Structures are given as C-alpha cells and as structure tokens.
Amino acid sequence: TEHTAAVGALDWCPFSRELLVSGAGTTDQTVKVWNANSGKMLNSTPTGSQVCAVLWSRDYHHQRELVSAHGGNRTELNVWSYQRNDSNCNGMQKLHEVLSHTKRVIDLAMSPDGDVASVSADETIRFWNIFSRLSAPKKHFRTTSLPEFGIPPIR
C-alpha cells in the first residue's frame, strides 16, 4: 500500500531471499525495497520518472546492485547500489544513468552472463553490459539496437 500508482516492476533479490524490489508508475516514480517476510518497506527512492522494470544483478561482483528502466519524461536506465547494514540503515545510491531509448522502456531481461536487454516503445531491443563478468567496467556509455548484434559496455 506504500506505492501511489500502479506497480509495474518487481524482482526478487538473489542474494537475500527476503528482499523484494518494486517500481511504480507516473504519479509514484519510486523504487522501493521490501522485506517480504515482514511486509516492511526498507527503502523508497524517488527516480523522477515512471518505473517500468527492475532487475537485481545475479553476479557476485555486483550483488548489491540493480537496474531500473523508465518511461514517461525520462526514457533511461539507472544502475543503483543498495546498501544494507546491521543498524538497519538502508539506502540506494544511483551509480549510473543512461538515456537508453527514444520512447518508454517497456521491459528488461538478463542473460545468464549478466548482460541486460531492454525493449522499448521505440521498437528496438538494446543490449547492455551492466553486470557482466566478461569485461572490465567502462566510464562511457554506448547503445545498440538488435540489427547490430553487439553488446556494448554500460560502464
């Protein structure tokens, strides 16, 4: 009941079975982290735009990171770091922001290697090297669409 718009994004945390992340629409524009055992909201982070999809990293080296996809006034992907400690101080920090598509991002999917694919109302599928173990982190962002079949690094 904490979201103020339709929830369109949801993913279980792979490193902590009780954590669930959700994201909501145009009037809410937040990513929230929940303790599914207690139902307690642990964190709420405003994003500035509609949240269309969220994915936790499955990779050990990026295990406290997640990516959110957005629509509305900002068609972007955001990479977040989620911090949780014993004093119950929970927080999310934006690591990267990428203007990803020309129209609303509809969904995200992750490959077994940690590459992320995004689909959009602009009729493209784009591939992102966000959590992949196969390459070193990069500072510059590039995008590609399906016909090019490349998977560029996001950082």
C-alpha atoms as a PDB file:
ATOM      1  CA  THR A   1       0.000   0.000   0.000  1.00  0.00           C
ATOM      2  CA  GLU A   2       3.037   2.293   0.020  1.00  0.00           C
ATOM      3  CA  HIS A   3       3.047   2.916  -3.761  1.00  0.00           C
ATOM      4  CA  THR A   4       0.744   5.654  -5.054  1.00  0.00           C
ATOM      5  CA  ALA A   5       0.450   4.341  -8.626  1.00  0.00           C
ATOM      6  CA  ALA A   6       0.240   1.001 -10.373  1.00  0.00           C
ATOM      7  CA  VAL A   7       3.232  -1.244  -9.676  1.00  0.00           C
ATOM      8  CA  GLY A   8       4.718  -2.349 -12.983  1.00  0.00           C
ATOM      9  CA  ALA A   9       8.115  -3.636 -11.889  1.00  0.00           C
ATOM     10  CA  LEU A  10       9.059  -6.399  -9.452  1.00  0.00           C
ATOM     11  CA  ASP A  11      12.097  -8.630  -8.815  1.00  0.00           C
ATOM     12  CA  TRP A  12      13.319 -10.901  -6.006  1.00  0.00           C
ATOM     13  CA  CYS A  13      16.802 -10.270  -4.676  1.00  0.00           C
ATOM     14  CA  PRO A  14      19.133 -13.198  -5.479  1.00  0.00           C
ATOM     15  CA  PHE A  15      21.496 -12.638  -2.529  1.00  0.00           C
ATOM     16  CA  SER A  16      18.919 -12.156   0.235  1.00  0.00           C
ATOM     17  CA  ARG A  17      15.757 -14.219  -0.083  1.00  0.00           C
ATOM     18  CA  GLU A  18      13.571 -11.837   1.925  1.00  0.00           C
ATOM     19  CA  LEU A  19      14.288  -8.752  -0.231  1.00  0.00           C
ATOM     20  CA  LEU A  20      11.928  -7.703  -2.996  1.00  0.00           C
ATOM     21  CA  VAL A  21      12.240  -4.584  -5.158  1.00  0.00           C
ATOM     22  CA  SER A  22       9.283  -2.848  -6.793  1.00  0.00           C
ATOM     23  CA  GLY A  23       8.772   0.164  -9.013  1.00  0.00           C
ATOM     24  CA  ALA A  24       5.649   2.148  -9.842  1.00  0.00           C
ATOM     25  CA  GLY A  25       4.115   4.428 -12.422  1.00  0.00           C
ATOM     26  CA  THR A  26       3.772   8.050 -13.361  1.00  0.00           C
ATOM     27  CA  THR A  27       2.364   9.506 -10.138  1.00  0.00           C
ATOM     28  CA  ASP A  28       4.615   7.429  -7.858  1.00  0.00           C
ATOM     29  CA  GLN A  29       8.006   7.301  -9.651  1.00  0.00           C
ATOM     30  CA  THR A  30       9.789   5.386  -6.881  1.00  0.00           C
ATOM     31  CA  VAL A  31      11.831   2.224  -6.492  1.00  0.00           C
ATOM     32  CA  LYS A  32      11.079   0.539  -3.172  1.00  0.00           C
ATOM     33  CA  VAL A  33      12.877  -2.297  -1.379  1.00  0.00           C
ATOM     34  CA  TRP A  34      10.775  -4.532   0.866  1.00  0.00           C
ATOM     35  CA  ASN A  35      11.318  -7.193   3.486  1.00  0.00           C
ATOM     36  CA  ALA A  36       8.905  -9.805   2.117  1.00  0.00           C
ATOM     37  CA  ASN A  37       8.889 -11.719   5.422  1.00  0.00           C
ATOM     38  CA  SER A  38       7.644  -8.782   7.479  1.00  0.00           C
ATOM     39  CA  GLY A  39       5.996  -6.700   4.746  1.00  0.00           C
ATOM     40  CA  LYS A  40       8.045  -3.705   5.892  1.00  0.00           C
ATOM     41  CA  MET A  41       9.289  -1.214   3.333  1.00  0.00           C
ATOM     42  CA  LEU A  42      13.051  -0.820   3.882  1.00  0.00           C
ATOM     43  CA  ASN A  43      13.768   1.924   1.366  1.00  0.00           C
ATOM     44  CA  SER A  44      11.971   4.254  -1.030  1.00  0.00           C
ATOM     45  CA  THR A  45      13.968   6.109  -3.665  1.00  0.00           C
ATOM     46  CA  PRO A  46      12.431   8.726  -5.970  1.00  0.00           C
ATOM     47  CA  THR A  47      13.510   8.298  -9.595  1.00  0.00           C
ATOM     48  CA  GLY A  48      11.923  11.278 -11.332  1.00  0.00           C
ATOM     49  CA  SER A  49      10.082   9.131 -13.861  1.00  0.00           C
ATOM     50  CA  GLN A  50       7.783   6.146 -14.316  1.00  0.00           C
ATOM     51  CA  VAL A  51       9.443   2.849 -13.308  1.00  0.00           C
ATOM     52  CA  CYS A  52       8.732   0.204 -15.964  1.00  0.00           C
ATOM     53  CA  ALA A  53      11.116  -2.616 -14.957  1.00  0.00           C
ATOM     54  CA  VAL A  54      13.685  -3.561 -12.292  1.00  0.00           C
ATOM     55  CA  LEU A  55      16.329  -6.304 -12.120  1.00  0.00           C
ATOM     56  CA  TRP A  56      18.756  -7.270  -9.362  1.00  0.00           C
ATOM     57  CA  SER A  57      22.224  -8.300 -10.509  1.00  0.00           C
ATOM     58  CA  ARG A  58      22.788 -12.068 -10.308  1.00  0.00           C
ATOM     59  CA  ASP A  59      26.572 -11.621 -10.367  1.00  0.00           C
ATOM     60  CA  TYR A  60      28.566 -11.915  -7.130  1.00  0.00           C
ATOM     61  CA  HIS A  61      30.766  -8.904  -8.007  1.00  0.00           C
ATOM     62  CA  HIS A  62      27.690  -6.683  -8.444  1.00  0.00           C
ATOM     63  CA  GLN A  63      25.438  -8.428  -5.916  1.00  0.00           C
ATOM     64  CA  ARG A  64      24.144  -5.295  -4.230  1.00  0.00           C
ATOM     65  CA  GLU A  65      23.272  -3.557  -7.492  1.00  0.00           C
ATOM     66  CA  LEU A  66      20.111  -3.324  -9.528  1.00  0.00           C
ATOM     67  CA  VAL A  67      18.978  -1.661 -12.731  1.00  0.00           C
ATOM     68  CA  SER A  68      15.702   0.180 -13.283  1.00  0.00           C
ATOM     69  CA  ALA A  69      14.118   1.092 -16.615  1.00  0.00           C
ATOM     70  CA  HIS A  70      11.981   4.180 -17.064  1.00  0.00           C
ATOM     71  CA  GLY A  71       9.390   5.799 -19.260  1.00  0.00           C
ATOM     72  CA  GLY A  72       7.403   8.988 -19.361  1.00  0.00           C
ATOM     73  CA  ASN A  73       9.503  12.126 -19.232  1.00  0.00           C
ATOM     74  CA  ARG A  74      12.821  10.230 -18.913  1.00  0.00           C
ATOM     75  CA  THR A  75      13.444   7.154 -21.057  1.00  0.00           C
ATOM     76  CA  GLU A  76      16.511   5.876 -19.278  1.00  0.00           C
ATOM     77  CA  LEU A  77      18.186   3.043 -17.431  1.00  0.00           C
ATOM     78  CA  ASN A  78      19.525   3.664 -13.926  1.00  0.00           C
ATOM     79  CA  VAL A  79      22.027   1.464 -12.109  1.00  0.00           C
ATOM     80  CA  TRP A  80      21.684   1.566  -8.316  1.00  0.00           C
ATOM     81  CA  SER A  81      23.711   0.322  -5.376  1.00  0.00           C
ATOM     82  CA  TYR A  82      21.626  -0.938  -2.457  1.00  0.00           C
ATOM     83  CA  GLN A  83      23.262  -0.742   0.960  1.00  0.00           C
ATOM     84  CA  ARG A  84      22.004  -2.581   3.995  1.00  0.00           C
ATOM     85  CA  ASN A  85      23.778  -2.949   7.312  1.00  0.00           C
ATOM     86  CA  ASP A  86      23.154  -4.263  10.800  1.00  0.00           C
ATOM     87  CA  SER A  87      21.940  -0.926  12.148  1.00  0.00           C
ATOM     88  CA  ASN A  88      19.016  -1.224   9.695  1.00  0.00           C
ATOM     89  CA  CYS A  89      20.285   1.763   7.722  1.00  0.00           C
ATOM     90  CA  ASN A  90      19.124   1.109   4.183  1.00  0.00           C
ATOM     91  CA  GLY A  91      19.805   3.283   1.187  1.00  0.00           C
ATOM     92  CA  MET A  92      20.111   3.369  -2.571  1.00  0.00           C
ATOM     93  CA  GLN A  93      22.689   5.349  -4.476  1.00  0.00           C
ATOM     94  CA  LYS A  94      22.499   5.971  -8.209  1.00  0.00           C
ATOM     95  CA  LEU A  95      25.705   4.732  -9.836  1.00  0.00           C
ATOM     96  CA  HIS A  96      24.890   5.370 -13.495  1.00  0.00           C
ATOM     97  CA  GLU A  97      22.187   6.981 -15.597  1.00  0.00           C
ATOM     98  CA  VAL A  98      21.885   6.229 -19.315  1.00  0.00           C
ATOM     99  CA  LEU A  99      19.435   7.772 -21.760  1.00  0.00           C
ATOM    100  CA  SER A 100      18.585   4.477 -23.363  1.00  0.00           C
ATOM    101  CA  HIS A 101      15.700   4.773 -25.804  1.00  0.00           C
ATOM    102  CA  THR A 102      13.712   7.457 -27.607  1.00  0.00           C
ATOM    103  CA  LYS A 103      10.415   6.200 -26.132  1.00  0.00           C
ATOM    104  CA  ARG A 104       9.283   4.446 -22.950  1.00  0.00           C
ATOM    105  CA  VAL A 105      11.270   1.387 -21.899  1.00  0.00           C
ATOM    106  CA  ILE A 106       8.795  -1.494 -21.559  1.00  0.00           C
ATOM    107  CA  ASP A 107      10.800  -4.311 -20.002  1.00  0.00           C
ATOM    108  CA  LEU A 108      14.225  -5.708 -19.114  1.00  0.00           C
ATOM    109  CA  ALA A 109      15.671  -9.224 -19.283  1.00  0.00           C
ATOM    110  CA  MET A 110      19.017 -10.568 -18.071  1.00  0.00           C
ATOM    111  CA  SER A 111      21.177 -13.205 -19.731  1.00  0.00           C
ATOM    112  CA  PRO A 112      22.961 -15.870 -17.660  1.00  0.00           C
ATOM    113  CA  ASP A 113      26.193 -13.887 -18.218  1.00  0.00           C
ATOM    114  CA  GLY A 114      24.720 -10.694 -16.748  1.00  0.00           C
ATOM    115  CA  ASP A 115      24.052  -8.815 -19.970  1.00  0.00           C
ATOM    116  CA  VAL A 116      20.784  -6.872 -19.929  1.00  0.00           C
ATOM    117  CA  ALA A 117      18.382  -6.417 -22.844  1.00  0.00           C
ATOM    118  CA  SER A 118      15.843  -3.600 -22.873  1.00  0.00           C
ATOM    119  CA  VAL A 119      12.778  -3.313 -25.096  1.00  0.00           C
ATOM    120  CA  SER A 120      11.014  -0.077 -25.847  1.00  0.00           C
ATOM    121  CA  ALA A 121       8.037   1.545 -27.485  1.00  0.00           C
ATOM    122  CA  ASP A 122      10.596   2.900 -29.998  1.00  0.00           C
ATOM    123  CA  GLU A 123      10.526  -0.640 -31.484  1.00  0.00           C
ATOM    124  CA  THR A 124      14.118  -1.515 -30.569  1.00  0.00           C
ATOM    125  CA  ILE A 125      15.832  -4.095 -28.425  1.00  0.00           C
ATOM    126  CA  ARG A 126      19.061  -2.799 -26.947  1.00  0.00           C
ATOM    127  CA  PHE A 127      21.787  -4.759 -25.211  1.00  0.00           C
ATOM    128  CA  TRP A 128      23.730  -3.504 -22.198  1.00  0.00           C
ATOM    129  CA  ASN A 129      26.827  -4.841 -20.493  1.00  0.00           C
ATOM    130  CA  ILE A 130      25.847  -3.817 -16.960  1.00  0.00           C
ATOM    131  CA  PHE A 131      26.588  -6.748 -14.673  1.00  0.00           C
ATOM    132  CA  SER A 132      28.645  -8.961 -16.968  1.00  0.00           C
ATOM    133  CA  ARG A 133      31.758 -10.638 -15.605  1.00  0.00           C
ATOM    134  CA  LEU A 134      33.209 -10.746 -19.108  1.00  0.00           C
ATOM    135  CA  SER A 135      34.540  -7.186 -19.285  1.00  0.00           C
ATOM    136  CA  ALA A 136      36.042  -4.503 -17.102  1.00  0.00           C
ATOM    137  CA  PRO A 137      33.915  -1.540 -16.000  1.00  0.00           C
ATOM    138  CA  LYS A 138      33.759   1.325 -18.513  1.00  0.00           C
ATOM    139  CA  LYS A 139      33.171   5.023 -17.962  1.00  0.00           C
ATOM    140  CA  HIS A 140      31.458   5.729 -21.285  1.00  0.00           C
ATOM    141  CA  PHE A 141      28.074   4.525 -22.420  1.00  0.00           C
ATOM    142  CA  ARG A 142      27.088   3.298 -25.859  1.00  0.00           C
ATOM    143  CA  THR A 143      23.882   1.791 -27.152  1.00  0.00           C
ATOM    144  CA  THR A 144      22.990  -0.515 -29.971  1.00  0.00           C
ATOM    145  CA  SER A 145      19.824  -1.942 -31.412  1.00  0.00           C
ATOM    146  CA  LEU A 146      19.065  -5.520 -32.421  1.00  0.00           C
ATOM    147  CA  PRO A 147      20.317  -5.442 -36.041  1.00  0.00           C
ATOM    148  CA  GLU A 148      23.876  -4.692 -34.884  1.00  0.00           C
ATOM    149  CA  PHE A 149      24.050  -7.709 -32.500  1.00  0.00           C
ATOM    150  CA  GLY A 150      26.717  -6.045 -30.382  1.00  0.00           C
ATOM    151  CA  ILE A 151      26.631  -5.873 -26.597  1.00  0.00           C
ATOM    152  CA  PRO A 152      28.308  -2.620 -25.536  1.00  0.00           C
ATOM    153  CA  PRO A 153      29.518  -1.962 -22.002  1.00  0.00           C
ATOM    154  CA  ILE A 154      27.443   0.367 -19.859  1.00  0.00           C
ATOM    155  CA  ARG A 155      30.311   1.284 -17.561  1.00  0.00           C
END
